[in-house]
Amino acid sequence: TLVGIRSEPRIVMVDDHAIDLPPSDHMVVVRNEDRPGMIGVVGTALGDAGVNVADMAVGHVGDGHSAIMVLSTGGPVSVEVLDDLRRRPGIISVRALDLV
């Protein structure tokens, strides 16, 4: 989707979750339970692994069961870090997007 005066590209929907985030070279998409503390779970896991989060958007649906976090990272995220995220309580799925 293009928005704004300069028609800048934005990601505004992932599956059925509304978000608003510019695309970047390296992104991680996390589907998680919609409950308190999940941003901290993901942020701590990435921070402990030395992954820099440059931008982030969170979207949820009205049913309150799941939410989506889309994170722009400073570089590719390793398979080991993605697998660690997948093992964390409350995480439903994790996908890496490398757009370069």
N, C-alpha and C. Protein backbone atom coordinates (compact mmCIF):
# COMPACT_ATOMS: atom_id res chain seq x y z
N THR A 1 0.84 -1.18 0.00
CA THR A 1 0.00 0.00 0.00
C THR A 1 0.88 1.24 0.00
N LEU A 2 0.48 2.26 -0.76
CA LEU A 2 1.19 3.53 -0.79
C LEU A 2 0.35 4.57 -0.06
N VAL A 3 0.99 5.32 0.85
CA VAL A 3 0.26 6.33 1.61
C VAL A 3 1.09 7.59 1.75
N GLY A 4 0.43 8.67 2.08
CA GLY A 4 1.12 9.93 2.33
C GLY A 4 1.37 10.73 1.07
N ILE A 5 1.88 11.93 1.27
CA ILE A 5 2.14 12.85 0.17
C ILE A 5 3.15 12.28 -0.81
N ARG A 6 4.16 11.60 -0.30
CA ARG A 6 5.21 11.05 -1.17
C ARG A 6 4.91 9.63 -1.62
N SER A 7 3.74 9.13 -1.32
CA SER A 7 3.35 7.76 -1.70
C SER A 7 4.39 6.74 -1.27
N GLU A 8 4.75 6.78 0.00
CA GLU A 8 5.72 5.84 0.55
C GLU A 8 5.06 4.48 0.77
N PRO A 9 5.76 3.40 0.44
CA PRO A 9 5.18 2.08 0.67
C PRO A 9 5.05 1.79 2.16
N ARG A 10 3.97 1.13 2.52
CA ARG A 10 3.70 0.73 3.91
C ARG A 10 3.11 -0.66 3.90
N ILE A 11 3.45 -1.45 4.89
CA ILE A 11 2.78 -2.72 5.12
C ILE A 11 1.62 -2.40 6.06
N VAL A 12 0.40 -2.66 5.62
CA VAL A 12 -0.76 -2.28 6.42
C VAL A 12 -1.62 -3.47 6.86
N MET A 13 -1.30 -4.68 6.37
CA MET A 13 -2.08 -5.85 6.77
C MET A 13 -1.19 -7.09 6.65
N VAL A 14 -1.21 -7.92 7.67
CA VAL A 14 -0.57 -9.24 7.64
C VAL A 14 -1.63 -10.23 8.06
N ASP A 15 -1.96 -11.14 7.15
CA ASP A 15 -3.08 -12.06 7.36
C ASP A 15 -4.31 -11.20 7.67
N ASP A 16 -4.93 -11.38 8.80
CA ASP A 16 -6.11 -10.59 9.15
C ASP A 16 -5.81 -9.54 10.22
N HIS A 17 -4.54 -9.19 10.38
CA HIS A 17 -4.10 -8.24 11.41
C HIS A 17 -3.68 -6.92 10.77
N ALA A 18 -4.30 -5.82 11.17
CA ALA A 18 -3.93 -4.50 10.67
C ALA A 18 -2.67 -4.01 11.38
N ILE A 19 -1.70 -3.53 10.59
CA ILE A 19 -0.48 -2.94 11.13
C ILE A 19 -0.13 -1.73 10.27
N ASP A 20 0.92 -1.02 10.60
CA ASP A 20 1.39 0.10 9.78
C ASP A 20 2.89 0.21 9.98
N LEU A 21 3.65 -0.19 8.95
CA LEU A 21 5.10 -0.25 9.07
C LEU A 21 5.71 -0.16 7.68
N PRO A 22 6.78 0.64 7.51
CA PRO A 22 7.45 0.63 6.20
C PRO A 22 8.22 -0.68 6.01
N PRO A 23 8.26 -1.20 4.79
CA PRO A 23 9.05 -2.41 4.56
C PRO A 23 10.54 -2.12 4.75
N SER A 24 11.29 -3.13 5.14
CA SER A 24 12.74 -2.99 5.28
C SER A 24 13.41 -4.25 4.75
N ASP A 25 14.73 -4.21 4.66
CA ASP A 25 15.47 -5.34 4.08
C ASP A 25 15.30 -6.63 4.88
N HIS A 26 15.27 -6.52 6.20
CA HIS A 26 15.20 -7.70 7.06
C HIS A 26 14.07 -7.51 8.07
N MET A 27 13.14 -8.47 8.08
CA MET A 27 11.98 -8.37 8.96
C MET A 27 11.68 -9.73 9.59
N VAL A 28 11.07 -9.69 10.75
CA VAL A 28 10.61 -10.90 11.43
C VAL A 28 9.13 -10.71 11.73
N VAL A 29 8.33 -11.72 11.39
CA VAL A 29 6.90 -11.70 11.66
C VAL A 29 6.61 -12.75 12.72
N VAL A 30 6.06 -12.31 13.84
CA VAL A 30 5.76 -13.20 14.97
C VAL A 30 4.26 -13.17 15.22
N ARG A 31 3.63 -14.34 15.17
CA ARG A 31 2.24 -14.47 15.59
C ARG A 31 2.28 -15.02 17.01
N ASN A 32 1.55 -14.37 17.91
CA ASN A 32 1.60 -14.76 19.32
C ASN A 32 0.22 -14.67 19.94
N GLU A 33 0.09 -15.26 21.12
CA GLU A 33 -1.13 -15.10 21.90
C GLU A 33 -1.28 -13.63 22.23
N ASP A 34 -2.50 -13.14 22.21
CA ASP A 34 -2.77 -11.74 22.51
C ASP A 34 -2.94 -11.59 24.02
N ARG A 35 -1.81 -11.42 24.71
CA ARG A 35 -1.83 -11.29 26.17
C ARG A 35 -0.67 -10.42 26.62
N PRO A 36 -0.74 -9.87 27.82
CA PRO A 36 0.33 -9.00 28.31
C PRO A 36 1.68 -9.73 28.36
N GLY A 37 2.74 -8.98 28.08
CA GLY A 37 4.09 -9.49 28.21
C GLY A 37 4.71 -10.04 26.95
N MET A 38 3.94 -10.18 25.87
CA MET A 38 4.47 -10.82 24.67
C MET A 38 5.50 -9.95 23.95
N ILE A 39 5.32 -8.64 23.96
CA ILE A 39 6.33 -7.77 23.35
C ILE A 39 7.65 -7.93 24.11
N GLY A 40 7.58 -8.04 25.42
CA GLY A 40 8.78 -8.24 26.22
C GLY A 40 9.45 -9.58 25.95
N VAL A 41 8.66 -10.63 25.76
CA VAL A 41 9.22 -11.95 25.45
C VAL A 41 10.03 -11.88 24.17
N VAL A 42 9.45 -11.29 23.13
CA VAL A 42 10.13 -11.21 21.83
C VAL A 42 11.34 -10.27 21.92
N GLY A 43 11.16 -9.10 22.53
CA GLY A 43 12.25 -8.14 22.64
C GLY A 43 13.43 -8.68 23.43
N THR A 44 13.14 -9.39 24.51
CA THR A 44 14.21 -9.98 25.32
C THR A 44 14.97 -11.04 24.54
N ALA A 45 14.26 -11.91 23.84
CA ALA A 45 14.91 -12.96 23.06
C ALA A 45 15.81 -12.36 21.99
N LEU A 46 15.32 -11.36 21.28
CA LEU A 46 16.12 -10.73 20.23
C LEU A 46 17.29 -9.96 20.83
N GLY A 47 17.05 -9.22 21.90
CA GLY A 47 18.12 -8.46 22.54
C GLY A 47 19.22 -9.36 23.09
N ASP A 48 18.83 -10.47 23.73
CA ASP A 48 19.82 -11.41 24.25
C ASP A 48 20.68 -11.99 23.14
N ALA A 49 20.12 -12.08 21.93
CA ALA A 49 20.86 -12.62 20.78
C ALA A 49 21.63 -11.54 20.03
N GLY A 50 21.55 -10.29 20.50
CA GLY A 50 22.27 -9.21 19.85
C GLY A 50 21.61 -8.68 18.60
N VAL A 51 20.32 -8.94 18.44
CA VAL A 51 19.58 -8.46 17.26
C VAL A 51 19.04 -7.07 17.56
N ASN A 52 19.36 -6.11 16.69
CA ASN A 52 18.86 -4.75 16.83
C ASN A 52 17.50 -4.62 16.15
N VAL A 53 16.50 -4.14 16.89
CA VAL A 53 15.18 -3.89 16.32
C VAL A 53 15.12 -2.42 15.96
N ALA A 54 14.97 -2.13 14.66
CA ALA A 54 14.94 -0.76 14.18
C ALA A 54 13.54 -0.17 14.19
N ASP A 55 12.53 -1.02 14.01
CA ASP A 55 11.14 -0.55 13.96
C ASP A 55 10.25 -1.74 14.27
N MET A 56 9.03 -1.46 14.73
CA MET A 56 8.12 -2.54 15.08
C MET A 56 6.69 -2.05 15.01
N ALA A 57 5.79 -2.94 14.59
CA ALA A 57 4.36 -2.66 14.62
C ALA A 57 3.66 -3.89 15.19
N VAL A 58 2.58 -3.65 15.91
CA VAL A 58 1.79 -4.73 16.51
C VAL A 58 0.35 -4.56 16.07
N GLY A 59 -0.26 -5.66 15.67
CA GLY A 59 -1.67 -5.63 15.29
C GLY A 59 -2.38 -6.82 15.90
N HIS A 60 -3.65 -6.64 16.21
CA HIS A 60 -4.44 -7.75 16.74
C HIS A 60 -5.82 -7.71 16.13
N VAL A 61 -6.53 -8.81 16.24
CA VAL A 61 -7.89 -8.88 15.75
C VAL A 61 -8.84 -8.82 16.93
N GLY A 62 -10.07 -8.52 16.65
CA GLY A 62 -11.06 -8.32 17.71
C GLY A 62 -11.34 -9.52 18.57
N ASP A 63 -11.02 -10.73 18.10
CA ASP A 63 -11.33 -11.92 18.89
C ASP A 63 -10.45 -12.06 20.13
N GLY A 64 -9.33 -11.32 20.16
CA GLY A 64 -8.45 -11.33 21.32
C GLY A 64 -7.62 -12.58 21.49
N HIS A 65 -7.61 -13.46 20.49
CA HIS A 65 -6.85 -14.71 20.61
C HIS A 65 -5.41 -14.59 20.13
N SER A 66 -5.18 -13.80 19.07
CA SER A 66 -3.82 -13.72 18.55
C SER A 66 -3.48 -12.30 18.15
N ALA A 67 -2.18 -12.05 18.08
CA ALA A 67 -1.66 -10.76 17.64
C ALA A 67 -0.48 -11.03 16.71
N ILE A 68 -0.11 -10.01 15.95
CA ILE A 68 1.04 -10.09 15.04
C ILE A 68 2.02 -9.00 15.43
N MET A 69 3.30 -9.36 15.51
CA MET A 69 4.37 -8.38 15.64
C MET A 69 5.19 -8.46 14.37
N VAL A 70 5.41 -7.31 13.74
CA VAL A 70 6.30 -7.24 12.59
C VAL A 70 7.46 -6.34 12.99
N LEU A 71 8.66 -6.89 12.96
CA LEU A 71 9.84 -6.18 13.42
C LEU A 71 10.83 -6.01 12.28
N SER A 72 11.34 -4.79 12.10
CA SER A 72 12.44 -4.53 11.18
C SER A 72 13.72 -4.68 11.97
N THR A 73 14.64 -5.48 11.45
CA THR A 73 15.90 -5.72 12.15
C THR A 73 17.08 -5.18 11.36
N GLY A 74 18.18 -4.94 12.05
CA GLY A 74 19.36 -4.37 11.43
C GLY A 74 20.08 -5.31 10.49
N GLY A 75 19.72 -6.57 10.48
CA GLY A 75 20.34 -7.56 9.61
C GLY A 75 19.54 -8.83 9.66
N PRO A 76 19.97 -9.85 8.93
CA PRO A 76 19.26 -11.12 8.96
C PRO A 76 19.28 -11.72 10.37
N VAL A 77 18.22 -12.42 10.72
CA VAL A 77 18.13 -13.09 12.02
C VAL A 77 18.42 -14.57 11.79
N SER A 78 19.32 -15.13 12.60
CA SER A 78 19.76 -16.51 12.39
C SER A 78 18.64 -17.51 12.67
N VAL A 79 18.78 -18.68 12.08
CA VAL A 79 17.84 -19.77 12.30
C VAL A 79 17.79 -20.14 13.78
N GLU A 80 18.92 -20.09 14.46
CA GLU A 80 18.97 -20.42 15.89
C GLU A 80 18.11 -19.46 16.71
N VAL A 81 18.17 -18.18 16.38
CA VAL A 81 17.37 -17.18 17.11
C VAL A 81 15.89 -17.38 16.80
N LEU A 82 15.56 -17.63 15.54
CA LEU A 82 14.17 -17.89 15.17
C LEU A 82 13.63 -19.12 15.89
N ASP A 83 14.44 -20.18 15.96
CA ASP A 83 14.02 -21.39 16.67
C ASP A 83 13.84 -21.13 18.16
N ASP A 84 14.71 -20.30 18.75
CA ASP A 84 14.57 -19.94 20.16
C ASP A 84 13.24 -19.20 20.38
N LEU A 85 12.91 -18.29 19.49
CA LEU A 85 11.63 -17.58 19.60
C LEU A 85 10.46 -18.56 19.54
N ARG A 86 10.52 -19.50 18.62
CA ARG A 86 9.43 -20.47 18.44
C ARG A 86 9.18 -21.29 19.70
N ARG A 87 10.21 -21.50 20.50
CA ARG A 87 10.08 -22.30 21.73
C ARG A 87 9.53 -21.50 22.91
N ARG A 88 9.46 -20.20 22.79
CA ARG A 88 9.01 -19.37 23.91
C ARG A 88 7.51 -19.53 24.14
N PRO A 89 7.08 -19.51 25.41
CA PRO A 89 5.65 -19.60 25.71
C PRO A 89 4.88 -18.46 25.07
N GLY A 90 3.74 -18.78 24.50
CA GLY A 90 2.87 -17.78 23.90
C GLY A 90 3.14 -17.48 22.44
N ILE A 91 4.24 -18.02 21.90
CA ILE A 91 4.56 -17.79 20.49
C ILE A 91 3.86 -18.86 19.66
N ILE A 92 3.14 -18.42 18.64
CA ILE A 92 2.41 -19.34 17.75
C ILE A 92 3.24 -19.67 16.51
N SER A 93 3.82 -18.64 15.88
CA SER A 93 4.66 -18.88 14.70
C SER A 93 5.64 -17.74 14.53
N VAL A 94 6.74 -18.03 13.83
CA VAL A 94 7.79 -17.04 13.56
C VAL A 94 8.25 -17.22 12.12
N ARG A 95 8.32 -16.11 11.38
CA ARG A 95 8.83 -16.15 10.00
C ARG A 95 9.81 -15.01 9.80
N ALA A 96 10.89 -15.29 9.11
CA ALA A 96 11.84 -14.24 8.74
C ALA A 96 11.58 -13.85 7.29
N LEU A 97 11.67 -12.55 7.01
CA LEU A 97 11.54 -12.04 5.65
C LEU A 97 12.80 -11.27 5.32
N ASP A 98 13.50 -11.70 4.31
CA ASP A 98 14.68 -10.99 3.85
C ASP A 98 14.37 -10.48 2.45
N LEU A 99 14.17 -9.18 2.32
CA LEU A 99 13.70 -8.57 1.07
C LEU A 99 14.83 -8.06 0.19
N VAL A 100 16.06 -8.46 0.46
CA VAL A 100 17.19 -8.04 -0.38
C VAL A 100 17.61 -9.16 -1.30
